[in-house]
């Protein structure tokens, strides 16, 4: 029973911490982010299994984590508001060409990230070519270019 409670606590704790820390796409992970994730992974492993390194305990912990993920997925489908609380919503960063600096500051996104997404996805070179830029739930930035007249 202790393994189940440990797994549930760690799952909920990490869910909360990552939700608070903001959006970050795995394709945009910095070296610092990678090192942090490795350390978190090792710390999580120690917290999950404690002193019991048996296969039975590992199986219980893994089963608990998968069950929790399954339950949360079902709950998010049943109550859409819970999905928004746990996963956040897409956030407009450029609205009809207007840069929303307060949102960018809050999400720690700079103009370089937006222009990089515009270049990579649409070959755009300047900010005035962007109609909308949206920070997606996954942490990626979607660009909707202005229509050329």
C-alpha atoms as a PDB file:
ATOM      1  CA  UNK A   1       0.000   0.000   0.000  1.00  0.00           C
ATOM      2  CA  UNK A   2       2.899   2.348   0.716  1.00  0.00           C
ATOM      3  CA  UNK A   3       4.117   2.031  -2.892  1.00  0.00           C
ATOM      4  CA  UNK A   4       0.689   3.010  -4.232  1.00  0.00           C
ATOM      5  CA  UNK A   5       0.514   6.062  -1.966  1.00  0.00           C
ATOM      6  CA  UNK A   6       4.090   7.073  -2.873  1.00  0.00           C
ATOM      7  CA  UNK A   7       3.345   6.768  -6.594  1.00  0.00           C
ATOM      8  CA  UNK A   8       0.088   8.725  -6.307  1.00  0.00           C
ATOM      9  CA  UNK A   9       1.727  11.499  -4.290  1.00  0.00           C
ATOM     10  CA  UNK A  10       4.694  11.835  -6.643  1.00  0.00           C
ATOM     11  CA  UNK A  11       2.411  11.791  -9.705  1.00  0.00           C
ATOM     12  CA  UNK A  12       0.207  14.563  -8.319  1.00  0.00           C
ATOM     13  CA  UNK A  13       3.203  16.551  -7.079  1.00  0.00           C
ATOM     14  CA  UNK A  14       4.966  16.434 -10.468  1.00  0.00           C
ATOM     15  CA  UNK A  15       1.720  17.247 -12.278  1.00  0.00           C
ATOM     16  CA  UNK A  16       1.341  20.352 -10.118  1.00  0.00           C
ATOM     17  CA  UNK A  17       4.991  21.409 -10.429  1.00  0.00           C
ATOM     18  CA  UNK A  18       5.073  21.037 -14.218  1.00  0.00           C
ATOM     19  CA  UNK A  19       1.722  22.791 -14.567  1.00  0.00           C
ATOM     20  CA  UNK A  20       2.973  25.729 -12.491  1.00  0.00           C
ATOM     21  CA  UNK A  21       6.319  25.897 -14.290  1.00  0.00           C
ATOM     22  CA  UNK A  22       4.662  26.681 -17.616  1.00  0.00           C
ATOM     23  CA  UNK A  23       4.652  25.330 -21.130  1.00  0.00           C
ATOM     24  CA  UNK A  24       7.785  24.022 -22.750  1.00  0.00           C
ATOM     25  CA  UNK A  25       7.887  21.961 -25.893  1.00  0.00           C
ATOM     26  CA  UNK A  26      10.208  18.971 -25.806  1.00  0.00           C
ATOM     27  CA  UNK A  27      11.577  20.107 -29.143  1.00  0.00           C
ATOM     28  CA  UNK A  28      12.707  23.342 -27.490  1.00  0.00           C
ATOM     29  CA  UNK A  29      14.376  21.887 -24.412  1.00  0.00           C
ATOM     30  CA  UNK A  30      17.615  23.631 -23.507  1.00  0.00           C
ATOM     31  CA  UNK A  31      20.631  21.895 -22.000  1.00  0.00           C
ATOM     32  CA  UNK A  32      19.615  23.282 -18.615  1.00  0.00           C
ATOM     33  CA  UNK A  33      16.088  21.842 -19.033  1.00  0.00           C
ATOM     34  CA  UNK A  34      17.487  18.432 -19.975  1.00  0.00           C
ATOM     35  CA  UNK A  35      19.806  18.327 -16.953  1.00  0.00           C
ATOM     36  CA  UNK A  36      16.930  19.387 -14.709  1.00  0.00           C
ATOM     37  CA  UNK A  37      14.671  16.657 -16.137  1.00  0.00           C
ATOM     38  CA  UNK A  38      17.371  14.028 -15.587  1.00  0.00           C
ATOM     39  CA  UNK A  39      17.812  15.097 -11.966  1.00  0.00           C
ATOM     40  CA  UNK A  40      14.046  15.144 -11.423  1.00  0.00           C
ATOM     41  CA  UNK A  41      13.827  11.669 -12.958  1.00  0.00           C
ATOM     42  CA  UNK A  42      16.468  10.282 -10.620  1.00  0.00           C
ATOM     43  CA  UNK A  43      14.925  11.975  -7.580  1.00  0.00           C
ATOM     44  CA  UNK A  44      11.495  10.699  -8.559  1.00  0.00           C
ATOM     45  CA  UNK A  45      12.795   7.148  -8.906  1.00  0.00           C
ATOM     46  CA  UNK A  46      14.238   7.256  -5.407  1.00  0.00           C
ATOM     47  CA  UNK A  47      11.043   8.722  -3.966  1.00  0.00           C
ATOM     48  CA  UNK A  48       8.868   6.151  -5.721  1.00  0.00           C
ATOM     49  CA  UNK A  49      10.649   2.974  -4.724  1.00  0.00           C
ATOM     50  CA  UNK A  50      12.194   3.976  -1.393  1.00  0.00           C
ATOM     51  CA  UNK A  51      14.374   1.095  -0.234  1.00  0.00           C
ATOM     52  CA  UNK A  52      12.384  -1.606  -2.036  1.00  0.00           C
ATOM     53  CA  UNK A  53      14.024  -2.280  -5.417  1.00  0.00           C
ATOM     54  CA  UNK A  54      12.083  -5.485  -6.082  1.00  0.00           C
ATOM     55  CA  UNK A  55      10.349  -6.253  -9.353  1.00  0.00           C
ATOM     56  CA  UNK A  56       7.033  -6.524  -7.503  1.00  0.00           C
ATOM     57  CA  UNK A  57       7.401  -3.016  -6.072  1.00  0.00           C
ATOM     58  CA  UNK A  58       8.452  -1.617  -9.463  1.00  0.00           C
ATOM     59  CA  UNK A  59       5.414  -3.275 -11.057  1.00  0.00           C
ATOM     60  CA  UNK A  60       3.101  -1.797  -8.421  1.00  0.00           C
ATOM     61  CA  UNK A  61       4.551   1.690  -8.895  1.00  0.00           C
ATOM     62  CA  UNK A  62       4.356   1.525 -12.701  1.00  0.00           C
ATOM     63  CA  UNK A  63       0.791   0.157 -12.575  1.00  0.00           C
ATOM     64  CA  UNK A  64      -0.244   2.929 -10.188  1.00  0.00           C
ATOM     65  CA  UNK A  65       1.222   5.631 -12.433  1.00  0.00           C
ATOM     66  CA  UNK A  66      -0.471   4.224 -15.528  1.00  0.00           C
ATOM     67  CA  UNK A  67      -3.770   3.877 -13.670  1.00  0.00           C
ATOM     68  CA  UNK A  68      -3.543   7.491 -12.492  1.00  0.00           C
ATOM     69  CA  UNK A  69      -2.860   8.677 -16.045  1.00  0.00           C
ATOM     70  CA  UNK A  70      -5.837   6.637 -17.287  1.00  0.00           C
ATOM     71  CA  UNK A  71      -8.116   8.046 -14.560  1.00  0.00           C
ATOM     72  CA  UNK A  72      -7.055  11.642 -15.247  1.00  0.00           C
ATOM     73  CA  UNK A  73      -7.596  11.147 -18.983  1.00  0.00           C
ATOM     74  CA  UNK A  74     -11.140   9.881 -18.343  1.00  0.00           C
ATOM     75  CA  UNK A  75     -11.844  12.717 -15.902  1.00  0.00           C
ATOM     76  CA  UNK A  76     -10.620  15.312 -18.413  1.00  0.00           C
ATOM     77  CA  UNK A  77     -12.954  13.848 -21.044  1.00  0.00           C
ATOM     78  CA  UNK A  78     -15.892  13.863 -18.630  1.00  0.00           C
ATOM     79  CA  UNK A  79     -15.226  17.387 -17.325  1.00  0.00           C
ATOM     80  CA  UNK A  80     -13.618  19.651 -19.940  1.00  0.00           C
ATOM     81  CA  UNK A  81     -12.905  22.368 -17.359  1.00  0.00           C
ATOM     82  CA  UNK A  82     -10.537  19.923 -15.647  1.00  0.00           C
ATOM     83  CA  UNK A  83      -8.622  19.559 -18.911  1.00  0.00           C
ATOM     84  CA  UNK A  84      -8.131  23.336 -18.988  1.00  0.00           C
ATOM     85  CA  UNK A  85      -6.945  23.377 -15.373  1.00  0.00           C
ATOM     86  CA  UNK A  86      -4.491  20.516 -15.829  1.00  0.00           C
ATOM     87  CA  UNK A  87      -3.238  21.249 -19.344  1.00  0.00           C
ATOM     88  CA  UNK A  88      -3.848  24.994 -19.831  1.00  0.00           C
ATOM     89  CA  UNK A  89      -5.263  26.669 -22.912  1.00  0.00           C
ATOM     90  CA  UNK A  90      -3.614  27.939 -26.080  1.00  0.00           C
ATOM     91  CA  UNK A  91      -2.514  31.535 -25.560  1.00  0.00           C
ATOM     92  CA  UNK A  92      -2.462  34.226 -28.250  1.00  0.00           C
ATOM     93  CA  UNK A  93       0.867  36.106 -28.213  1.00  0.00           C
ATOM     94  CA  UNK A  94       0.354  38.214 -31.338  1.00  0.00           C
ATOM     95  CA  UNK A  95      -3.214  39.273 -32.035  1.00  0.00           C
ATOM     96  CA  UNK A  96      -3.852  40.645 -35.528  1.00  0.00           C
ATOM     97  CA  UNK A  97      -0.259  41.900 -35.685  1.00  0.00           C
ATOM     98  CA  UNK A  98      -0.319  43.437 -32.200  1.00  0.00           C
ATOM     99  CA  UNK A  99       2.365  42.030 -29.878  1.00  0.00           C
ATOM    100  CA  UNK A 100       0.939  41.125 -26.453  1.00  0.00           C
ATOM    101  CA  UNK A 101       4.056  41.742 -24.389  1.00  0.00           C
ATOM    102  CA  UNK A 102       2.468  41.047 -20.998  1.00  0.00           C
ATOM    103  CA  UNK A 103       1.493  37.523 -22.087  1.00  0.00           C
ATOM    104  CA  UNK A 104       4.917  36.915 -23.594  1.00  0.00           C
ATOM    105  CA  UNK A 105       6.608  38.057 -20.387  1.00  0.00           C
ATOM    106  CA  UNK A 106       4.336  35.871 -18.263  1.00  0.00           C
ATOM    107  CA  UNK A 107       5.100  32.789 -20.389  1.00  0.00           C
ATOM    108  CA  UNK A 108       8.792  33.737 -20.737  1.00  0.00           C
ATOM    109  CA  UNK A 109       8.590  33.792 -24.538  1.00  0.00           C
ATOM    110  CA  UNK A 110      10.636  36.327 -26.477  1.00  0.00           C
ATOM    111  CA  UNK A 111      10.251  37.698 -29.985  1.00  0.00           C
ATOM    112  CA  UNK A 112      13.141  35.517 -31.168  1.00  0.00           C
ATOM    113  CA  UNK A 113      11.120  32.386 -30.408  1.00  0.00           C
ATOM    114  CA  UNK A 114       8.159  33.718 -32.366  1.00  0.00           C
ATOM    115  CA  UNK A 115      10.236  34.790 -35.359  1.00  0.00           C
ATOM    116  CA  UNK A 116      12.026  31.415 -35.316  1.00  0.00           C
ATOM    117  CA  UNK A 117       8.661  29.618 -35.446  1.00  0.00           C
ATOM    118  CA  UNK A 118       7.564  31.925 -38.278  1.00  0.00           C
ATOM    119  CA  UNK A 119      10.727  31.180 -40.268  1.00  0.00           C
ATOM    120  CA  UNK A 120      10.643  27.428 -39.629  1.00  0.00           C
ATOM    121  CA  UNK A 121       6.953  26.906 -40.373  1.00  0.00           C
ATOM    122  CA  UNK A 122       6.160  29.535 -43.000  1.00  0.00           C
ATOM    123  CA  UNK A 123       9.406  31.055 -44.238  1.00  0.00           C
ATOM    124  CA  UNK A 124       8.383  34.459 -42.854  1.00  0.00           C
ATOM    125  CA  UNK A 125      11.159  36.949 -42.261  1.00  0.00           C
ATOM    126  CA  UNK A 126       9.535  39.811 -40.352  1.00  0.00           C
ATOM    127  CA  UNK A 127       7.096  40.268 -37.491  1.00  0.00           C
ATOM    128  CA  UNK A 128       4.764  42.382 -39.624  1.00  0.00           C
ATOM    129  CA  UNK A 129       4.104  39.259 -41.729  1.00  0.00           C
ATOM    130  CA  UNK A 130       2.513  37.527 -38.717  1.00  0.00           C
ATOM    131  CA  UNK A 131      -1.211  37.950 -38.126  1.00  0.00           C
ATOM    132  CA  UNK A 132      -1.436  35.616 -35.115  1.00  0.00           C
ATOM    133  CA  UNK A 133       1.086  33.753 -32.994  1.00  0.00           C
ATOM    134  CA  UNK A 134      -0.325  31.219 -30.549  1.00  0.00           C
ATOM    135  CA  UNK A 135       1.487  29.432 -27.737  1.00  0.00           C
ATOM    136  CA  UNK A 136      -0.076  25.980 -27.942  1.00  0.00           C
ATOM    137  CA  UNK A 137      -0.811  23.629 -25.056  1.00  0.00           C
ATOM    138  CA  UNK A 138       2.216  21.564 -26.040  1.00  0.00           C
ATOM    139  CA  UNK A 139       4.531  24.572 -25.703  1.00  0.00           C
ATOM    140  CA  UNK A 140       5.024  25.009 -29.451  1.00  0.00           C
ATOM    141  CA  UNK A 141       4.239  28.264 -31.231  1.00  0.00           C
ATOM    142  CA  UNK A 142       1.739  28.257 -34.108  1.00  0.00           C
ATOM    143  CA  UNK A 143       1.960  31.053 -36.646  1.00  0.00           C
ATOM    144  CA  UNK A 144      -0.880  32.328 -38.829  1.00  0.00           C
ATOM    145  CA  UNK A 145       0.594  34.589 -41.517  1.00  0.00           C
ATOM    146  CA  UNK A 146      -1.027  37.726 -42.854  1.00  0.00           C
ATOM    147  CA  UNK A 147      -2.660  37.254 -46.239  1.00  0.00           C
ATOM    148  CA  UNK A 148      -0.748  39.055 -48.963  1.00  0.00           C
ATOM    149  CA  UNK A 149      -2.813  41.550 -50.840  1.00  0.00           C
END
